[in-house]
Amino acid sequence: NDYNSFWEYSAKLGALRILGTTDTAFIAGGGFGLFLLGDKYLKTVVESPMGLRTTHVEKHSGTSYGGGFYGKAGILLFRTYSVRMTATVEYSLAFAKTHWDSRPQSLGFSIGIIY
């Protein structure tokens, strides 16, 4: 059952700055992007036709899109080698409305290899 769920796809453009000259350095940056958001949720509906009260659950889903911003910070390992490794945390804020929120936010973690 994947109801009461949320998903996000994004295309982002930004920059990262390496903060240091040693083999291990911090990185920080950010940018902007386009966000495609979707949600699925269950909604309890109460109806009273002709004085008879009934309750049932409906399945709803929706998508929305909009612009947004993101910030990223992390660490760059093996900076002076030909193969490098990154670990980053990213916070993003989208200007689009979903069922739960008018400005959804997300927090992500990633590990990468650069060669």
PDB file of N, CA and C in Angstrom:
ATOM      1  N   ASN A   1       0.852  -1.174   0.000  1.00  0.00           N
ATOM      2  CA  ASN A   1       0.000   0.000   0.000  1.00  0.00           C
ATOM      3  C   ASN A   1       0.899   1.238   0.000  1.00  0.00           C
ATOM      4  N   ASP A   2       0.861   2.002  -1.053  1.00  0.00           N
ATOM      5  CA  ASP A   2       1.719   3.190  -1.145  1.00  0.00           C
ATOM      6  C   ASP A   2       0.940   4.490  -0.974  1.00  0.00           C
ATOM      7  N   TYR A   3      -0.231   4.419  -0.364  1.00  0.00           N
ATOM      8  CA  TYR A   3      -0.978   5.648  -0.120  1.00  0.00           C
ATOM      9  C   TYR A   3      -0.422   6.367   1.099  1.00  0.00           C
ATOM     10  N   ASN A   4      -0.724   7.652   1.205  1.00  0.00           N
ATOM     11  CA  ASN A   4      -0.113   8.561   2.170  1.00  0.00           C
ATOM     12  C   ASN A   4       1.388   8.619   1.924  1.00  0.00           C
ATOM     13  N   SER A   5       1.751   8.812   0.648  1.00  0.00           N
ATOM     14  CA  SER A   5       3.153   8.888   0.257  1.00  0.00           C
ATOM     15  C   SER A   5       3.390  10.127  -0.606  1.00  0.00           C
ATOM     16  N   PHE A   6       4.657  10.446  -0.776  1.00  0.00           N
ATOM     17  CA  PHE A   6       5.083  11.649  -1.495  1.00  0.00           C
ATOM     18  C   PHE A   6       6.323  11.293  -2.307  1.00  0.00           C
ATOM     19  N   TRP A   7       6.442  11.824  -3.523  1.00  0.00           N
ATOM     20  CA  TRP A   7       7.649  11.628  -4.324  1.00  0.00           C
ATOM     21  C   TRP A   7       8.049  12.940  -4.977  1.00  0.00           C
ATOM     22  N   GLU A   8       9.318  13.017  -5.363  1.00  0.00           N
ATOM     23  CA  GLU A   8       9.866  14.248  -5.947  1.00  0.00           C
ATOM     24  C   GLU A   8      10.902  13.894  -7.011  1.00  0.00           C
ATOM     25  N   TYR A   9      10.798  14.540  -8.151  1.00  0.00           N
ATOM     26  CA  TYR A   9      11.836  14.510  -9.189  1.00  0.00           C
ATOM     27  C   TYR A   9      12.267  15.952  -9.417  1.00  0.00           C
ATOM     28  N   SER A  10      13.549  16.139  -9.716  1.00  0.00           N
ATOM     29  CA  SER A  10      14.013  17.512  -9.902  1.00  0.00           C
ATOM     30  C   SER A  10      15.143  17.567 -10.920  1.00  0.00           C
ATOM     31  N   ALA A  11      15.251  18.726 -11.562  1.00  0.00           N
ATOM     32  CA  ALA A  11      16.375  19.063 -12.436  1.00  0.00           C
ATOM     33  C   ALA A  11      16.968  20.343 -11.859  1.00  0.00           C
ATOM     34  N   LYS A  12      18.221  20.265 -11.421  1.00  0.00           N
ATOM     35  CA  LYS A  12      18.815  21.376 -10.685  1.00  0.00           C
ATOM     36  C   LYS A  12      20.076  21.884 -11.365  1.00  0.00           C
ATOM     37  N   LEU A  13      20.346  23.160 -11.182  1.00  0.00           N
ATOM     38  CA  LEU A  13      21.554  23.797 -11.681  1.00  0.00           C
ATOM     39  C   LEU A  13      22.154  24.590 -10.528  1.00  0.00           C
ATOM     40  N   GLY A  14      23.424  24.345 -10.241  1.00  0.00           N
ATOM     41  CA  GLY A  14      24.044  25.033  -9.126  1.00  0.00           C
ATOM     42  C   GLY A  14      25.551  24.934  -9.187  1.00  0.00           C
ATOM     43  N   ALA A  15      26.177  25.277  -8.090  1.00  0.00           N
ATOM     44  CA  ALA A  15      27.635  25.259  -8.005  1.00  0.00           C
ATOM     45  C   ALA A  15      28.062  24.783  -6.626  1.00  0.00           C
ATOM     46  N   LEU A  16      29.213  24.138  -6.586  1.00  0.00           N
ATOM     47  CA  LEU A  16      29.832  23.716  -5.328  1.00  0.00           C
ATOM     48  C   LEU A  16      31.196  24.381  -5.203  1.00  0.00           C
ATOM     49  N   ARG A  17      31.561  24.730  -3.996  1.00  0.00           N
ATOM     50  CA  ARG A  17      32.874  25.318  -3.748  1.00  0.00           C
ATOM     51  C   ARG A  17      33.647  24.398  -2.820  1.00  0.00           C
ATOM     52  N   ILE A  18      34.901  24.128  -3.175  1.00  0.00           N
ATOM     53  CA  ILE A  18      35.782  23.327  -2.331  1.00  0.00           C
ATOM     54  C   ILE A  18      36.429  24.269  -1.323  1.00  0.00           C
ATOM     55  N   LEU A  19      36.245  23.981  -0.053  1.00  0.00           N
ATOM     56  CA  LEU A  19      36.722  24.853   1.020  1.00  0.00           C
ATOM     57  C   LEU A  19      37.954  24.231   1.674  1.00  0.00           C
ATOM     58  N   GLY A  20      39.055  24.267   1.000  1.00  0.00           N
ATOM     59  CA  GLY A  20      40.284  23.723   1.555  1.00  0.00           C
ATOM     60  C   GLY A  20      41.204  23.224   0.453  1.00  0.00           C
ATOM     61  N   THR A  21      42.471  22.987   0.826  1.00  0.00           N
ATOM     62  CA  THR A  21      43.465  22.537  -0.153  1.00  0.00           C
ATOM     63  C   THR A  21      44.099  21.208   0.226  1.00  0.00           C
ATOM     64  N   THR A  22      43.646  20.583   1.314  1.00  0.00           N
ATOM     65  CA  THR A  22      44.217  19.308   1.732  1.00  0.00           C
ATOM     66  C   THR A  22      43.467  18.149   1.074  1.00  0.00           C
ATOM     67  N   ASP A  23      43.892  16.926   1.346  1.00  0.00           N
ATOM     68  CA  ASP A  23      43.237  15.747   0.765  1.00  0.00           C
ATOM     69  C   ASP A  23      41.784  15.597   1.219  1.00  0.00           C
ATOM     70  N   THR A  24      41.465  16.093   2.401  1.00  0.00           N
ATOM     71  CA  THR A  24      40.090  16.081   2.906  1.00  0.00           C
ATOM     72  C   THR A  24      39.645  17.525   3.037  1.00  0.00           C
ATOM     73  N   ALA A  25      38.581  17.883   2.329  1.00  0.00           N
ATOM     74  CA  ALA A  25      38.113  19.270   2.328  1.00  0.00           C
ATOM     75  C   ALA A  25      36.591  19.307   2.409  1.00  0.00           C
ATOM     76  N   PHE A  26      36.062  20.359   2.998  1.00  0.00           N
ATOM     77  CA  PHE A  26      34.622  20.570   3.022  1.00  0.00           C
ATOM     78  C   PHE A  26      34.173  21.163   1.691  1.00  0.00           C
ATOM     79  N   ILE A  27      32.936  20.863   1.308  1.00  0.00           N
ATOM     80  CA  ILE A  27      32.339  21.454   0.112  1.00  0.00           C
ATOM     81  C   ILE A  27      30.985  22.031   0.494  1.00  0.00           C
ATOM     82  N   ALA A  28      30.612  23.124  -0.165  1.00  0.00           N
ATOM     83  CA  ALA A  28      29.323  23.771   0.099  1.00  0.00           C
ATOM     84  C   ALA A  28      28.866  24.454  -1.179  1.00  0.00           C
ATOM     85  N   GLY A  29      27.571  24.546  -1.342  1.00  0.00           N
ATOM     86  CA  GLY A  29      27.032  25.216  -2.520  1.00  0.00           C
ATOM     87  C   GLY A  29      25.524  25.166  -2.544  1.00  0.00           C
ATOM     88  N   GLY A  30      24.982  25.479  -3.688  1.00  0.00           N
ATOM     89  CA  GLY A  30      23.533  25.488  -3.842  1.00  0.00           C
ATOM     90  C   GLY A  30      23.161  25.944  -5.229  1.00  0.00           C
ATOM     91  N   GLY A  31      21.872  26.114  -5.432  1.00  0.00           N
ATOM     92  CA  GLY A  31      21.386  26.546  -6.723  1.00  0.00           C
ATOM     93  C   GLY A  31      19.867  26.543  -6.779  1.00  0.00           C
ATOM     94  N   PHE A  32      19.343  26.406  -7.981  1.00  0.00           N
ATOM     95  CA  PHE A  32      17.897  26.434  -8.192  1.00  0.00           C
ATOM     96  C   PHE A  32      17.525  25.307  -9.145  1.00  0.00           C
ATOM     97  N   GLY A  33      16.239  25.066  -9.268  1.00  0.00           N
ATOM     98  CA  GLY A  33      15.821  23.989 -10.156  1.00  0.00           C
ATOM     99  C   GLY A  33      14.325  23.938 -10.356  1.00  0.00           C
ATOM    100  N   LEU A  34      13.912  22.969 -11.151  1.00  0.00           N
ATOM    101  CA  LEU A  34      12.502  22.682 -11.382  1.00  0.00           C
ATOM    102  C   LEU A  34      12.161  21.386 -10.666  1.00  0.00           C
ATOM    103  N   PHE A  35      11.025  21.370  -9.993  1.00  0.00           N
ATOM    104  CA  PHE A  35      10.619  20.234  -9.184  1.00  0.00           C
ATOM    105  C   PHE A  35       9.272  19.709  -9.670  1.00  0.00           C
ATOM    106  N   LEU A  36       9.172  18.396  -9.832  1.00  0.00           N
ATOM    107  CA  LEU A  36       7.919  17.711 -10.136  1.00  0.00           C
ATOM    108  C   LEU A  36       7.583  16.889  -8.905  1.00  0.00           C
ATOM    109  N   LEU A  37       6.420  17.154  -8.312  1.00  0.00           N
ATOM    110  CA  LEU A  37       6.033  16.542  -7.049  1.00  0.00           C
ATOM    111  C   LEU A  37       4.751  15.745  -7.227  1.00  0.00           C
ATOM    112  N   GLY A  38       4.628  14.675  -6.501  1.00  0.00           N
ATOM    113  CA  GLY A  38       3.417  13.875  -6.540  1.00  0.00           C
ATOM    114  C   GLY A  38       3.095  13.328  -5.168  1.00  0.00           C
ATOM    115  N   ASP A  39       1.815  13.093  -4.934  1.00  0.00           N
ATOM    116  CA  ASP A  39       1.398  12.518  -3.665  1.00  0.00           C
ATOM    117  C   ASP A  39       0.193  11.611  -3.866  1.00  0.00           C
ATOM    118  N   LYS A  40       0.064  10.649  -2.969  1.00  0.00           N
ATOM    119  CA  LYS A  40      -1.093   9.765  -2.907  1.00  0.00           C
ATOM    120  C   LYS A  40      -1.571   9.781  -1.465  1.00  0.00           C
ATOM    121  N   TYR A  41      -2.881   9.879  -1.277  1.00  0.00           N
ATOM    122  CA  TYR A  41      -3.395   9.930   0.081  1.00  0.00           C
ATOM    123  C   TYR A  41      -4.807   9.365   0.129  1.00  0.00           C
ATOM    124  N   LEU A  42      -5.189   8.941   1.324  1.00  0.00           N
ATOM    125  CA  LEU A  42      -6.529   8.442   1.578  1.00  0.00           C
ATOM    126  C   LEU A  42      -7.321   9.543   2.273  1.00  0.00           C
ATOM    127  N   LYS A  43      -8.575   9.721   1.861  1.00  0.00           N
ATOM    128  CA  LYS A  43      -9.414  10.763   2.433  1.00  0.00           C
ATOM    129  C   LYS A  43     -10.723  10.142   2.889  1.00  0.00           C
ATOM    130  N   THR A  44     -11.093  10.401   4.138  1.00  0.00           N
ATOM    131  CA  THR A  44     -12.366   9.918   4.665  1.00  0.00           C
ATOM    132  C   THR A  44     -13.458  10.908   4.282  1.00  0.00           C
ATOM    133  N   VAL A  45     -14.500  10.414   3.623  1.00  0.00           N
ATOM    134  CA  VAL A  45     -15.597  11.253   3.142  1.00  0.00           C
ATOM    135  C   VAL A  45     -16.858  10.884   3.914  1.00  0.00           C
ATOM    136  N   VAL A  46     -17.531  11.903   4.438  1.00  0.00           N
ATOM    137  CA  VAL A  46     -18.796  11.705   5.145  1.00  0.00           C
ATOM    138  C   VAL A  46     -19.898  12.340   4.303  1.00  0.00           C
ATOM    139  N   GLU A  47     -20.893  11.543   3.971  1.00  0.00           N
ATOM    140  CA  GLU A  47     -22.017  12.034   3.172  1.00  0.00           C
ATOM    141  C   GLU A  47     -23.303  11.829   3.944  1.00  0.00           C
ATOM    142  N   SER A  48     -24.253  12.701   3.712  1.00  0.00           N
ATOM    143  CA  SER A  48     -25.556  12.594   4.368  1.00  0.00           C
ATOM    144  C   SER A  48     -26.681  12.779   3.353  1.00  0.00           C
ATOM    145  N   PRO A  49     -26.822  11.887   2.372  1.00  0.00           N
ATOM    146  CA  PRO A  49     -27.936  12.030   1.435  1.00  0.00           C
ATOM    147  C   PRO A  49     -29.246  11.612   2.099  1.00  0.00           C
ATOM    148  N   MET A  50     -30.248  12.423   2.007  1.00  0.00           N
ATOM    149  CA  MET A  50     -31.590  12.162   2.542  1.00  0.00           C
ATOM    150  C   MET A  50     -31.558  11.775   4.018  1.00  0.00           C
ATOM    151  N   GLY A  51     -30.672  12.391   4.778  1.00  0.00           N
ATOM    152  CA  GLY A  51     -30.620  12.156   6.209  1.00  0.00           C
ATOM    153  C   GLY A  51     -29.894  10.891   6.633  1.00  0.00           C
ATOM    154  N   LEU A  52     -29.399  10.095   5.689  1.00  0.00           N
ATOM    155  CA  LEU A  52     -28.673   8.868   6.009  1.00  0.00           C
ATOM    156  C   LEU A  52     -27.174   9.155   5.946  1.00  0.00           C
ATOM    157  N   ARG A  53     -26.527   9.065   7.075  1.00  0.00           N
ATOM    158  CA  ARG A  53     -25.100   9.403   7.142  1.00  0.00           C
ATOM    159  C   ARG A  53     -24.258   8.184   6.775  1.00  0.00           C
ATOM    160  N   THR A  54     -23.346   8.352   5.806  1.00  0.00           N
ATOM    161  CA  THR A  54     -22.430   7.280   5.404  1.00  0.00           C
ATOM    162  C   THR A  54     -21.003   7.805   5.407  1.00  0.00           C
ATOM    163  N   THR A  55     -20.080   6.910   5.660  1.00  0.00           N
ATOM    164  CA  THR A  55     -18.657   7.245   5.671  1.00  0.00           C
ATOM    165  C   THR A  55     -17.913   6.234   4.820  1.00  0.00           C
ATOM    166  N   HIS A  56     -17.024   6.727   3.967  1.00  0.00           N
ATOM    167  CA  HIS A  56     -16.181   5.830   3.182  1.00  0.00           C
ATOM    168  C   HIS A  56     -14.830   6.501   2.917  1.00  0.00           C
ATOM    169  N   VAL A  57     -13.863   5.703   2.499  1.00  0.00           N
ATOM    170  CA  VAL A  57     -12.510   6.187   2.242  1.00  0.00           C
ATOM    171  C   VAL A  57     -12.287   6.228   0.738  1.00  0.00           C
ATOM    172  N   GLU A  58     -11.791   7.371   0.251  1.00  0.00           N
ATOM    173  CA  GLU A  58     -11.480   7.533  -1.171  1.00  0.00           C
ATOM    174  C   GLU A  58      -9.965   7.626  -1.349  1.00  0.00           C
ATOM    175  N   LYS A  59      -9.475   7.077  -2.453  1.00  0.00           N
ATOM    176  CA  LYS A  59      -8.063   7.186  -2.805  1.00  0.00           C
ATOM    177  C   LYS A  59      -7.881   8.397  -3.718  1.00  0.00           C
ATOM    178  N   HIS A  60      -6.956   9.261  -3.365  1.00  0.00           N
ATOM    179  CA  HIS A  60      -6.673  10.461  -4.157  1.00  0.00           C
ATOM    180  C   HIS A  60      -5.190  10.488  -4.519  1.00  0.00           C
ATOM    181  N   SER A  61      -4.871  11.133  -5.630  1.00  0.00           N
ATOM    182  CA  SER A  61      -3.483  11.366  -6.001  1.00  0.00           C
ATOM    183  C   SER A  61      -3.414  12.650  -6.816  1.00  0.00           C
ATOM    184  N   GLY A  62      -2.241  13.235  -6.846  1.00  0.00           N
ATOM    185  CA  GLY A  62      -2.070  14.466  -7.601  1.00  0.00           C
ATOM    186  C   GLY A  62      -0.609  14.744  -7.871  1.00  0.00           C
ATOM    187  N   THR A  63      -0.367  15.599  -8.843  1.00  0.00           N
ATOM    188  CA  THR A  63       0.981  16.048  -9.158  1.00  0.00           C
ATOM    189  C   THR A  63       0.989  17.562  -9.276  1.00  0.00           C
ATOM    190  N   SER A  64       2.132  18.146  -9.050  1.00  0.00           N
ATOM    191  CA  SER A  64       2.311  19.584  -9.216  1.00  0.00           C
ATOM    192  C   SER A  64       3.777  19.834  -9.559  1.00  0.00           C
ATOM    193  N   TYR A  65       4.039  21.023 -10.047  1.00  0.00           N
ATOM    194  CA  TYR A  65       5.416  21.370 -10.392  1.00  0.00           C
ATOM    195  C   TYR A  65       5.663  22.834 -10.077  1.00  0.00           C
ATOM    196  N   GLY A  66       6.935  23.165  -9.939  1.00  0.00           N
ATOM    197  CA  GLY A  66       7.299  24.543  -9.658  1.00  0.00           C
ATOM    198  C   GLY A  66       8.801  24.677  -9.505  1.00  0.00           C
ATOM    199  N   GLY A  67       9.235  25.896  -9.342  1.00  0.00           N
ATOM    200  CA  GLY A  67      10.647  26.181  -9.127  1.00  0.00           C
ATOM    201  C   GLY A  67      11.016  26.019  -7.667  1.00  0.00           C
ATOM    202  N   GLY A  68      12.299  26.062  -7.403  1.00  0.00           N
ATOM    203  CA  GLY A  68      12.747  25.951  -6.027  1.00  0.00           C
ATOM    204  C   GLY A  68      14.244  26.194  -5.901  1.00  0.00           C
ATOM    205  N   PHE A  69      14.700  26.083  -4.676  1.00  0.00           N
ATOM    206  CA  PHE A  69      16.101  26.307  -4.342  1.00  0.00           C
ATOM    207  C   PHE A  69      16.631  25.120  -3.555  1.00  0.00           C
ATOM    208  N   TYR A  70      17.946  24.972  -3.544  1.00  0.00           N
ATOM    209  CA  TYR A  70      18.556  23.937  -2.722  1.00  0.00           C
ATOM    210  C   TYR A  70      19.910  24.392  -2.217  1.00  0.00           C
ATOM    211  N   GLY A  71      20.325  23.816  -1.119  1.00  0.00           N
ATOM    212  CA  GLY A  71      21.643  24.035  -0.552  1.00  0.00           C
ATOM    213  C   GLY A  71      22.275  22.698  -0.256  1.00  0.00           C
ATOM    214  N   LYS A  72      23.582  22.606  -0.404  1.00  0.00           N
ATOM    215  CA  LYS A  72      24.278  21.336  -0.241  1.00  0.00           C
ATOM    216  C   LYS A  72      25.573  21.582   0.514  1.00  0.00           C
ATOM    217  N   ALA A  73      25.918  20.659   1.413  1.00  0.00           N
ATOM    218  CA  ALA A  73      27.178  20.730   2.148  1.00  0.00           C
ATOM    219  C   ALA A  73      27.689  19.310   2.359  1.00  0.00           C
ATOM    220  N   GLY A  74      28.993  19.181   2.442  1.00  0.00           N
ATOM    221  CA  GLY A  74      29.541  17.847   2.642  1.00  0.00           C
ATOM    222  C   GLY A  74      31.047  17.852   2.747  1.00  0.00           C
ATOM    223  N   ILE A  75      31.607  16.680   2.452  1.00  0.00           N
ATOM    224  CA  ILE A  75      33.038  16.495   2.567  1.00  0.00           C
ATOM    225  C   ILE A  75      33.561  15.841   1.287  1.00  0.00           C
ATOM    226  N   LEU A  76      34.723  16.265   0.855  1.00  0.00           N
ATOM    227  CA  LEU A  76      35.404  15.710  -0.311  1.00  0.00           C
ATOM    228  C   LEU A  76      36.658  14.993   0.184  1.00  0.00           C
ATOM    229  N   LEU A  77      36.720  13.696  -0.099  1.00  0.00           N
ATOM    230  CA  LEU A  77      37.853  12.879   0.319  1.00  0.00           C
ATOM    231  C   LEU A  77      38.767  12.601  -0.866  1.00  0.00           C
ATOM    232  N   PHE A  78      40.058  12.469  -0.611  1.00  0.00           N
ATOM    233  CA  PHE A  78      41.063  12.173  -1.639  1.00  0.00           C
ATOM    234  C   PHE A  78      41.085  13.260  -2.724  1.00  0.00           C
ATOM    235  N   ARG A  79      41.034  14.521  -2.316  1.00  0.00           N
ATOM    236  CA  ARG A  79      40.927  15.639  -3.247  1.00  0.00           C
ATOM    237  C   ARG A  79      42.071  15.697  -4.241  1.00  0.00           C
ATOM    238  N   THR A  80      43.272  15.307  -3.854  1.00  0.00           N
ATOM    239  CA  THR A  80      44.426  15.414  -4.745  1.00  0.00           C
ATOM    240  C   THR A  80      44.680  14.155  -5.567  1.00  0.00           C
ATOM    241  N   TYR A  81      43.803  13.163  -5.469  1.00  0.00           N
ATOM    242  CA  TYR A  81      43.968  11.916  -6.225  1.00  0.00           C
ATOM    243  C   TYR A  81      43.092  11.937  -7.475  1.00  0.00           C
ATOM    244  N   SER A  82      43.307  10.988  -8.386  1.00  0.00           N
ATOM    245  CA  SER A  82      42.495  10.947  -9.604  1.00  0.00           C
ATOM    246  C   SER A  82      41.094  10.383  -9.354  1.00  0.00           C
ATOM    247  N   VAL A  83      40.915   9.616  -8.289  1.00  0.00           N
ATOM    248  CA  VAL A  83      39.590   9.124  -7.895  1.00  0.00           C
ATOM    249  C   VAL A  83      39.257   9.759  -6.550  1.00  0.00           C
ATOM    250  N   ARG A  84      38.119  10.449  -6.479  1.00  0.00           N
ATOM    251  CA  ARG A  84      37.719  11.166  -5.271  1.00  0.00           C
ATOM    252  C   ARG A  84      36.380  10.627  -4.772  1.00  0.00           C
ATOM    253  N   MET A  85      36.058  10.901  -3.529  1.00  0.00           N
ATOM    254  CA  MET A  85      34.795  10.458  -2.943  1.00  0.00           C
ATOM    255  C   MET A  85      34.137  11.636  -2.240  1.00  0.00           C
ATOM    256  N   THR A  86      32.807  11.726  -2.355  1.00  0.00           N
ATOM    257  CA  THR A  86      32.067  12.792  -1.684  1.00  0.00           C
ATOM    258  C   THR A  86      30.961  12.185  -0.826  1.00  0.00           C
ATOM    259  N   ALA A  87      30.633  12.877   0.241  1.00  0.00           N
ATOM    260  CA  ALA A  87      29.468  12.578   1.070  1.00  0.00           C
ATOM    261  C   ALA A  87      28.790  13.919   1.330  1.00  0.00           C
ATOM    262  N   THR A  88      27.536  14.053   0.920  1.00  0.00           N
ATOM    263  CA  THR A  88      26.862  15.349   1.023  1.00  0.00           C
ATOM    264  C   THR A  88      25.469  15.210   1.624  1.00  0.00           C
ATOM    265  N   VAL A  89      25.001  16.306   2.183  1.00  0.00           N
ATOM    266  CA  VAL A  89      23.632  16.460   2.673  1.00  0.00           C
ATOM    267  C   VAL A  89      23.029  17.615   1.889  1.00  0.00           C
ATOM    268  N   GLU A  90      21.794  17.432   1.399  1.00  0.00           N
ATOM    269  CA  GLU A  90      21.139  18.463   0.595  1.00  0.00           C
ATOM    270  C   GLU A  90      19.760  18.776   1.160  1.00  0.00           C
ATOM    271  N   TYR A  91      19.460  20.068   1.262  1.00  0.00           N
ATOM    272  CA  TYR A  91      18.142  20.551   1.683  1.00  0.00           C
ATOM    273  C   TYR A  91      17.529  21.273   0.495  1.00  0.00           C
ATOM    274  N   SER A  92      16.287  20.957   0.147  1.00  0.00           N
ATOM    275  CA  SER A  92      15.637  21.655  -0.961  1.00  0.00           C
ATOM    276  C   SER A  92      14.255  22.144  -0.556  1.00  0.00           C
ATOM    277  N   LEU A  93      13.850  23.233  -1.174  1.00  0.00           N
ATOM    278  CA  LEU A  93      12.555  23.866  -0.940  1.00  0.00           C
ATOM    279  C   LEU A  93      11.921  24.129  -2.296  1.00  0.00           C
ATOM    280  N   ALA A  94      10.743  23.545  -2.534  1.00  0.00           N
ATOM    281  CA  ALA A  94      10.041  23.708  -3.813  1.00  0.00           C
ATOM    282  C   ALA A  94       8.840  24.617  -3.625  1.00  0.00           C
ATOM    283  N   PHE A  95       8.587  25.466  -4.606  1.00  0.00           N
ATOM    284  CA  PHE A  95       7.429  26.358  -4.582  1.00  0.00           C
ATOM    285  C   PHE A  95       6.314  25.733  -5.409  1.00  0.00           C
ATOM    286  N   ALA A  96       5.706  24.701  -4.852  1.00  0.00           N
ATOM    287  CA  ALA A  96       4.605  23.982  -5.497  1.00  0.00           C
ATOM    288  C   ALA A  96       3.685  23.481  -4.395  1.00  0.00           C
ATOM    289  N   LYS A  97       2.424  23.312  -4.697  1.00  0.00           N
ATOM    290  CA  LYS A  97       1.446  22.891  -3.690  1.00  0.00           C
ATOM    291  C   LYS A  97       1.146  21.404  -3.823  1.00  0.00           C
ATOM    292  N   THR A  98       1.227  20.711  -2.696  1.00  0.00           N
ATOM    293  CA  THR A  98       0.792  19.319  -2.618  1.00  0.00           C
ATOM    294  C   THR A  98      -0.393  19.247  -1.650  1.00  0.00           C
ATOM    295  N   HIS A  99      -0.917  18.056  -1.461  1.00  0.00           N
ATOM    296  CA  HIS A  99      -2.046  17.892  -0.535  1.00  0.00           C
ATOM    297  C   HIS A  99      -1.678  18.323   0.879  1.00  0.00           C
ATOM    298  N   TRP A 100      -0.441  18.058   1.298  1.00  0.00           N
ATOM    299  CA  TRP A 100      -0.041  18.321   2.668  1.00  0.00           C
ATOM    300  C   TRP A 100       0.592  19.694   2.873  1.00  0.00           C
ATOM    301  N   ASP A 101       1.202  20.252   1.860  1.00  0.00           N
ATOM    302  CA  ASP A 101       2.013  21.441   2.096  1.00  0.00           C
ATOM    303  C   ASP A 101       2.045  22.325   0.852  1.00  0.00           C
ATOM    304  N   SER A 102       2.157  23.642   1.063  1.00  0.00           N
ATOM    305  CA  SER A 102       2.245  24.548  -0.084  1.00  0.00           C
ATOM    306  C   SER A 102       3.692  24.822  -0.486  1.00  0.00           C
ATOM    307  N   ARG A 103       4.646  24.499   0.349  1.00  0.00           N
ATOM    308  CA  ARG A 103       6.072  24.623   0.020  1.00  0.00           C
ATOM    309  C   ARG A 103       6.806  23.410   0.579  1.00  0.00           C
ATOM    310  N   PRO A 104       6.702  22.262  -0.098  1.00  0.00           N
ATOM    311  CA  PRO A 104       7.345  21.064   0.442  1.00  0.00           C
ATOM    312  C   PRO A 104       8.864  21.192   0.492  1.00  0.00           C
ATOM    313  N   GLN A 105       9.431  20.591   1.521  1.00  0.00           N
ATOM    314  CA  GLN A 105      10.865  20.602   1.745  1.00  0.00           C
ATOM    315  C   GLN A 105      11.355  19.169   1.787  1.00  0.00           C
ATOM    316  N   SER A 106      12.599  18.965   1.402  1.00  0.00           N
ATOM    317  CA  SER A 106      13.167  17.617   1.483  1.00  0.00           C
ATOM    318  C   SER A 106      14.603  17.698   1.957  1.00  0.00           C
ATOM    319  N   LEU A 107      15.040  16.614   2.550  1.00  0.00           N
ATOM    320  CA  LEU A 107      16.400  16.487   3.035  1.00  0.00           C
ATOM    321  C   LEU A 107      16.949  15.190   2.475  1.00  0.00           C
ATOM    322  N   GLY A 108      18.096  15.266   1.796  1.00  0.00           N
ATOM    323  CA  GLY A 108      18.671  14.079   1.165  1.00  0.00           C
ATOM    324  C   GLY A 108      20.131  13.902   1.545  1.00  0.00           C
ATOM    325  N   PHE A 109      20.590  12.677   1.420  1.00  0.00           N
ATOM    326  CA  PHE A 109      21.975  12.324   1.710  1.00  0.00           C
ATOM    327  C   PHE A 109      22.519  11.542   0.522  1.00  0.00           C
ATOM    328  N   SER A 110      23.738  11.833   0.100  1.00  0.00           N
ATOM    329  CA  SER A 110      24.314  11.108  -1.028  1.00  0.00           C
ATOM    330  C   SER A 110      25.797  10.846  -0.819  1.00  0.00           C
ATOM    331  N   ILE A 111      26.246   9.753  -1.428  1.00  0.00           N
ATOM    332  CA  ILE A 111      27.663   9.396  -1.447  1.00  0.00           C
ATOM    333  C   ILE A 111      28.034   9.215  -2.910  1.00  0.00           C
ATOM    334  N   GLY A 112      29.141   9.793  -3.351  1.00  0.00           N
ATOM    335  CA  GLY A 112      29.521   9.724  -4.759  1.00  0.00           C
ATOM    336  C   GLY A 112      31.007   9.484  -4.965  1.00  0.00           C
ATOM    337  N   ILE A 113      31.320   9.029  -6.152  1.00  0.00           N
ATOM    338  CA  ILE A 113      32.712   8.830  -6.568  1.00  0.00           C
ATOM    339  C   ILE A 113      32.948   9.664  -7.825  1.00  0.00           C
ATOM    340  N   ILE A 114      34.047  10.399  -7.842  1.00  0.00           N
ATOM    341  CA  ILE A 114      34.419  11.233  -8.986  1.00  0.00           C
ATOM    342  C   ILE A 114      35.716  10.671  -9.556  1.00  0.00           C
ATOM    343  N   TYR A 115      35.733  10.418 -10.862  1.00  0.00           N
ATOM    344  CA  TYR A 115      36.969   9.913 -11.473  1.00  0.00           C
ATOM    345  C   TYR A 115      37.207  10.549 -12.814  1.00  0.00           C
TER     346      TYR A 115
END
